[in-house]
Protein backbone atom coordinates (compact mmCIF):
# COMPACT_ATOMS: atom_id res chain seq x y z
CA MET A 1 -18.48 -10.34 -11.29
CA GLU A 2 -18.16 -11.09 -7.62
CA ARG A 3 -18.82 -8.55 -4.91
CA ARG A 4 -19.46 -8.50 -1.18
CA ASP A 5 -20.04 -5.51 1.12
CA GLU A 6 -17.97 -4.87 4.23
CA GLN A 7 -19.51 -6.19 7.41
CA PRO A 8 -19.62 -4.22 10.68
CA GLY A 9 -18.58 -5.74 13.96
CA THR A 10 -15.24 -7.18 12.82
CA VAL A 11 -11.95 -6.35 14.47
CA ALA A 12 -11.29 -3.85 11.68
CA ALA A 13 -14.51 -1.96 12.37
CA VAL A 14 -13.12 -0.30 15.50
CA GLY A 15 -9.80 1.29 16.30
CA ARG A 16 -8.11 4.42 17.51
CA PRO A 17 -6.86 6.94 14.93
CA LEU A 18 -3.15 6.93 14.15
CA ASP A 19 -1.19 9.70 15.85
CA ARG A 20 -0.45 12.05 12.94
CA ARG A 21 2.20 14.02 14.85
CA ALA A 22 4.02 10.84 15.82
CA GLU A 23 3.77 9.58 12.23
CA LEU A 24 5.28 12.84 10.92
CA SER A 25 8.08 12.73 13.47
CA GLU A 26 9.00 9.11 12.83
CA PHE A 27 8.81 9.49 9.07
CA LEU A 28 11.22 12.45 9.04
CA ARG A 29 13.60 10.68 11.42
CA SER A 30 13.60 7.53 9.27
CA ARG A 31 14.29 9.47 6.05
CA ARG A 32 17.10 11.46 7.69
CA ALA A 33 18.66 8.30 9.12
CA ARG A 34 19.09 6.71 5.71
CA LEU A 35 21.28 9.56 4.37
CA LYS A 36 25.01 9.91 4.89
CA PRO A 37 26.92 13.20 4.56
CA GLU A 38 28.61 12.02 1.37
CA ASP A 39 25.20 11.25 -0.14
CA VAL A 40 24.29 14.94 -0.09
CA GLY A 41 27.68 16.52 -0.75
CA LEU A 42 28.62 17.29 2.85
CA PRO A 43 32.09 16.52 4.25
CA ASP A 44 32.38 13.64 6.67
CA PHE A 45 35.23 14.23 9.08
CA GLY A 46 34.98 10.75 10.55
CA ARG A 47 33.64 11.95 13.86
CA HIS A 48 31.61 9.47 15.86
CA ARG A 49 27.88 9.84 15.24
CA ARG A 50 25.51 8.89 18.01
CA VAL A 51 22.71 8.22 15.50
CA PRO A 52 22.84 6.93 11.93
CA GLY A 53 22.43 9.33 9.04
CA LEU A 54 22.46 13.11 8.89
CA ARG A 55 22.24 15.31 11.94
CA ARG A 56 19.35 17.72 12.25
CA GLU A 57 21.79 20.61 11.82
CA GLU A 58 23.01 19.20 8.53
CA LEU A 59 19.51 18.58 7.23
CA ALA A 60 18.40 22.09 8.22
CA GLN A 61 21.42 23.54 6.41
CA LEU A 62 20.57 21.63 3.24
CA ALA A 63 16.91 22.68 3.40
CA GLY A 64 17.72 26.33 4.10
CA VAL A 65 15.78 26.53 7.37
CA SER A 66 16.82 27.14 10.94
CA VAL A 67 17.69 24.20 13.15
CA ALA A 68 14.97 25.22 15.61
CA TYR A 69 12.36 25.32 12.83
CA TYR A 70 13.30 21.89 11.50
CA THR A 71 13.45 20.46 15.02
CA ARG A 72 9.87 21.58 15.69
CA LEU A 73 8.76 19.96 12.45
CA GLU A 74 10.55 16.70 13.25
CA GLN A 75 8.86 16.72 16.63
CA GLY A 76 5.55 16.55 14.80
CA ASN A 77 4.59 20.22 14.76
CA GLY A 78 3.80 20.89 11.10
CA ARG A 79 0.81 23.12 11.74
CA ASN A 80 2.20 26.30 10.16
CA VAL A 81 4.73 24.86 7.74
CA SER A 82 4.48 26.18 4.18
CA ALA A 83 4.44 24.13 0.99
CA GLU A 84 7.71 25.80 -0.04
CA VAL A 85 9.48 24.67 3.13
CA LEU A 86 8.14 21.14 2.71
CA ASP A 87 9.45 21.14 -0.87
CA SER A 88 12.90 22.22 0.37
CA ILE A 89 12.96 19.54 3.05
CA ALA A 90 11.79 16.91 0.55
CA ARG A 91 14.65 17.85 -1.77
CA ALA A 92 17.16 17.77 1.08
CA LEU A 93 15.95 14.33 2.14
CA ARG A 94 16.01 13.04 -1.46
CA LEU A 95 12.36 11.99 -1.19
CA THR A 96 10.59 10.22 -4.02
CA ASP A 97 7.33 11.67 -5.37
CA ALA A 98 5.36 9.24 -3.22
CA GLU A 99 7.38 10.13 -0.11
CA HIS A 100 6.97 13.84 -0.84
CA ALA A 101 3.21 13.41 -1.08
CA HIS A 102 3.21 11.39 2.15
CA LEU A 103 5.15 14.12 3.96
CA THR A 104 2.66 16.73 2.76
CA HIS A 105 -0.31 14.63 3.91
CA LEU A 106 1.21 14.23 7.36
CA ALA A 107 2.28 17.85 7.80
CA LYS A 108 -0.75 19.52 6.20
CA PRO A 109 -3.66 17.07 6.38
CA LYS A 110 -6.68 17.72 4.21
CA SER A 111 -10.24 17.71 5.44
CA HIS A 112 -12.38 14.76 4.32
CA LYS A 113 -15.78 16.19 5.14
CA LYS A 114 -17.38 14.92 1.96
CA LYS A 115 -15.92 11.43 2.32
CA PRO A 116 -15.83 10.33 5.97
CA ALA A 117 -12.80 8.15 6.64
CA ALA A 118 -14.80 5.31 8.15
CA ARG A 119 -17.46 5.12 5.45
CA GLN A 120 -17.98 1.90 3.54
CA GLN A 121 -16.56 2.03 0.05
CA GLN A 122 -18.99 1.16 -2.72
CA VAL A 123 -18.23 0.15 -6.30
CA ARG A 124 -20.31 1.74 -9.02
CA ALA A 125 -22.61 -0.65 -10.89
CA ALA A 126 -21.05 0.35 -14.22
CA LEU A 127 -17.63 -0.74 -12.95
CA CYS A 128 -19.05 -4.07 -11.87
CA ARG A 129 -20.37 -4.60 -15.39
CA LEU A 130 -17.00 -3.58 -16.82
CA LEU A 131 -15.28 -6.28 -14.77
CA ASP A 132 -17.74 -8.83 -16.18
CA THR A 133 -16.82 -7.88 -19.77
CA MET A 134 -13.08 -8.35 -19.18
CA ASP A 135 -13.20 -12.02 -20.05
CA GLY A 136 -9.80 -13.69 -19.77
CA VAL A 137 -8.29 -10.73 -17.92
CA PRO A 138 -7.96 -11.05 -14.12
CA ALA A 139 -9.28 -7.75 -12.78
CA TYR A 140 -10.49 -6.39 -9.47
CA ILE A 141 -11.21 -3.15 -7.61
CA VAL A 142 -9.12 -2.51 -4.50
CA GLY A 143 -9.91 0.07 -1.82
CA ARG A 144 -7.73 2.28 0.34
CA ARG A 145 -7.43 -0.28 3.15
CA SER A 146 -6.18 -2.89 0.62
CA GLU A 147 -9.60 -4.55 0.64
CA ILE A 148 -10.90 -6.34 -2.45
CA LEU A 149 -14.20 -4.60 -3.26
CA ALA A 150 -15.16 -6.34 -6.51
CA TRP A 151 -13.60 -8.83 -8.94
CA ASN A 152 -14.29 -10.95 -12.01
CA ARG A 153 -14.32 -14.71 -12.44
CA THR A 154 -10.80 -14.81 -13.96
CA ALA A 155 -9.38 -13.04 -10.91
CA ALA A 156 -11.10 -15.67 -8.76
CA ALA A 157 -9.48 -18.41 -10.86
CA LEU A 158 -6.04 -16.85 -10.49
CA PHE A 159 -6.01 -15.66 -6.89
CA GLY A 160 -8.63 -17.86 -5.23
CA ASP A 161 -12.37 -17.67 -4.87
CA TRP A 162 -12.69 -14.61 -2.66
CA ALA A 163 -16.45 -15.21 -2.43
CA GLU A 164 -15.61 -18.10 -0.09
CA LEU A 165 -13.92 -15.75 2.39
CA PRO A 166 -15.67 -13.63 5.03
CA ALA A 167 -15.90 -10.00 3.92
CA ALA A 168 -13.29 -8.82 6.43
CA GLU A 169 -10.78 -11.38 5.14
CA ARG A 170 -10.96 -10.18 1.53
CA ASN A 171 -8.06 -7.86 2.14
CA TRP A 172 -4.61 -8.05 0.56
CA ALA A 173 -2.82 -7.22 3.81
CA ARG A 174 -4.58 -9.96 5.74
CA MET A 175 -4.25 -12.48 2.93
CA VAL A 176 -0.55 -11.86 2.32
CA PHE A 177 0.51 -11.89 5.98
CA LEU A 178 -1.97 -14.27 7.58
CA ARG A 179 -2.90 -16.89 4.95
CA PRO A 180 -0.23 -19.48 4.02
CA GLU A 181 -1.69 -20.13 0.55
CA TYR A 182 -0.85 -16.58 -0.52
CA ARG A 183 2.69 -16.91 0.75
CA ALA A 184 2.97 -19.90 -1.59
CA LEU A 185 1.17 -18.16 -4.47
CA PHE A 186 3.66 -15.30 -4.92
CA VAL A 187 7.11 -16.39 -6.06
CA ASP A 188 8.60 -13.20 -4.60
CA TRP A 189 6.41 -13.06 -1.50
CA GLU A 190 8.74 -10.63 0.27
CA GLN A 191 8.32 -8.01 -2.47
CA LYS A 192 4.55 -8.43 -2.47
CA ALA A 193 4.56 -7.93 1.30
CA ILE A 194 6.62 -4.75 0.96
CA ASP A 195 4.28 -3.40 -1.72
CA VAL A 196 1.22 -4.02 0.47
CA VAL A 197 2.73 -2.32 3.51
CA CYS A 198 3.99 0.67 1.51
CA GLY A 199 0.53 1.15 0.05
CA LEU A 200 -1.09 1.02 3.47
CA ARG A 201 1.42 3.58 4.75
CA MET A 202 0.46 5.98 1.95
CA ASN A 203 -3.22 5.65 2.76
CA ALA A 204 -2.62 5.96 6.50
CA GLY A 205 -0.98 9.32 5.81
CA CYS A 206 -4.05 10.46 3.89
CA TYR A 207 -6.53 9.07 6.43
CA PRO A 208 -4.88 8.96 9.87
CA ASP A 209 -8.35 9.23 11.43
CA ASP A 210 -9.70 6.10 9.73
CA PRO A 211 -10.51 3.70 12.61
CA ARG A 212 -10.80 0.65 10.34
CA LEU A 213 -7.40 1.25 8.81
CA SER A 214 -5.74 1.81 12.19
CA ALA A 215 -7.45 -1.30 13.56
CA LEU A 216 -6.13 -3.31 10.60
CA VAL A 217 -2.60 -2.06 11.26
CA GLY A 218 -2.94 -2.88 14.94
CA GLU A 219 -4.25 -6.38 14.26
CA LEU A 220 -1.51 -7.23 11.77
CA SER A 221 1.18 -5.79 14.04
CA VAL A 222 0.06 -8.21 16.75
CA LYS A 223 -0.37 -11.26 14.51
CA SER A 224 2.61 -10.89 12.15
CA GLU A 225 6.15 -9.99 13.14
CA GLU A 226 7.01 -9.55 9.46
CA PHE A 227 4.30 -6.94 9.08
CA ARG A 228 5.40 -5.18 12.27
CA LEU A 229 9.00 -4.90 11.05
CA LEU A 230 8.00 -3.64 7.61
CA TRP A 231 5.57 -1.12 9.08
CA ALA A 232 8.34 0.26 11.30
CA THR A 233 10.44 1.21 8.24
CA HIS A 234 7.94 3.97 7.30
CA ASP A 235 8.57 3.24 3.62
CA VAL A 236 5.93 4.48 1.18
CA LYS A 237 5.45 4.07 -2.55
CA GLU A 238 2.80 3.71 -5.21
CA LYS A 239 3.30 0.88 -7.66
CA SER A 240 1.06 1.43 -10.68
CA HIS A 241 2.57 -1.24 -12.95
CA GLY A 242 5.05 -4.06 -12.99
CA VAL A 243 5.43 -7.83 -13.26
CA LYS A 244 4.32 -10.45 -10.77
CA ARG A 245 5.39 -14.08 -10.80
CA LEU A 246 2.82 -16.47 -9.42
CA ARG A 247 3.01 -20.16 -8.61
CA HIS A 248 -0.52 -21.46 -9.20
CA PRO A 249 -1.30 -24.92 -7.78
CA LEU A 250 -3.01 -26.03 -11.03
CA VAL A 251 -1.03 -24.49 -13.90
CA GLY A 252 2.33 -23.85 -12.31
CA GLU A 253 4.36 -20.67 -12.62
CA LEU A 254 3.05 -17.61 -14.46
CA SER A 255 4.68 -14.27 -15.22
CA LEU A 256 2.04 -11.58 -15.52
CA HIS A 257 2.14 -7.84 -16.12
CA PHE A 258 -0.12 -5.76 -13.90
CA GLU A 259 -1.52 -2.26 -14.33
CA SER A 260 -3.23 -0.24 -11.61
CA PHE A 261 -5.51 2.69 -12.43
CA ARG A 262 -6.90 5.08 -9.82
CA LEU A 263 -10.54 5.85 -10.54
CA PRO A 264 -10.98 9.52 -11.53
CA ASP A 265 -14.19 9.97 -9.53
CA ASP A 266 -12.91 8.10 -6.45
CA THR A 267 -9.14 8.05 -6.07
CA ASP A 268 -9.49 5.79 -3.01
CA GLN A 269 -10.34 2.95 -5.41
CA SER A 270 -8.11 1.41 -8.08
CA LEU A 271 -8.79 -0.95 -10.96
CA VAL A 272 -6.04 -3.58 -11.18
CA THR A 273 -5.61 -5.82 -14.22
CA TYR A 274 -3.18 -8.62 -15.14
CA HIS A 275 -2.13 -9.90 -18.56
CA ALA A 276 0.51 -12.20 -20.05
CA GLU A 277 2.83 -11.75 -23.01
CA PRO A 278 0.98 -12.98 -26.15
CA GLY A 279 2.04 -16.46 -27.20
CA SER A 280 3.81 -17.20 -23.93
CA GLY A 281 3.31 -20.19 -21.69
CA SER A 282 1.83 -17.82 -19.12
CA ALA A 283 -0.76 -16.70 -21.66
CA GLU A 284 -1.83 -20.29 -22.26
CA SER A 285 -1.99 -21.00 -18.53
CA LEU A 286 -4.07 -17.87 -18.03
CA ARG A 287 -6.42 -18.94 -20.82
CA LEU A 288 -6.93 -22.30 -19.11
CA LEU A 289 -7.64 -20.65 -15.77
CA ALA A 290 -10.11 -18.25 -17.39
CA SER A 291 -11.99 -21.16 -18.98
CA TRP A 292 -12.30 -22.87 -15.60
CA GLY A 293 -13.29 -19.74 -13.69
CA ALA A 294 -14.07 -20.18 -10.01
CA ASP A 295 -13.88 -23.97 -10.52
CA ALA A 296 -10.11 -23.54 -10.85
CA ALA A 297 -9.93 -21.97 -7.41
CA ARG A 298 -12.02 -24.76 -5.89
CA ALA A 299 -9.91 -27.44 -7.57
CA ALA A 300 -6.72 -25.80 -6.35
CA ALA A 301 -8.10 -25.58 -2.82
CA GLY A 302 -8.98 -29.24 -2.98
């Protein structure tokens, strides 16, 4: 198992908190803009609309609240909003479960007194040993800022030897948007980029006061136009399973199933595993990579 602690003093160690009221306002505006009257059963009389999507009046009507009340909420004032009203607005906006949760986090933030937002995340020793036992299965622990907290040798063979990177660079957002080798590694790089940004958005809603997370967002917004455009969509989602196609420099293309499990005692950390269909070419390629371990990553880099 490989593991490195976060280092202070990096660009991600400082940063101003995200503006929760602005986040709430922009999120509601973006969700309203994607709906058309016909999407929600309202008549469209063909009148010119100055902005795309539903009007505030139409959304308020669907949610069963006054226009003034909804306007205050869309302006970022969710201080006294009830869970019932948020549920009605979520239904009117056709929000997914992840979007509904994000709206609730923004409108009615929870206190994180027991787990300060800027604290360093630590992986339990038992989990580190578990990763070691998962021979042949690429597995790692990812934190709420998309940082790689711990991993096993097969993950290093598949994704690259993260031990060779500075601690601050062992972060999916930085790797996907700033390192060319990861753009080449993922066959559908665009979808991987979307998944990373959507995950960061979810966590930013839960921890708008996390200076490291806001600094990461600020850094990537400056360094990557692609990140900046995706971040501006305000899309959120949680992807707990699926299929990823990789193009490894040593064994070629692999199609792997991934599963992500939030840890019950620390939901800010997730265990992510990959596996191939038994008997497939991807399974054989994965077996070869597992036998080489970190040497595979070094050979690929060379």
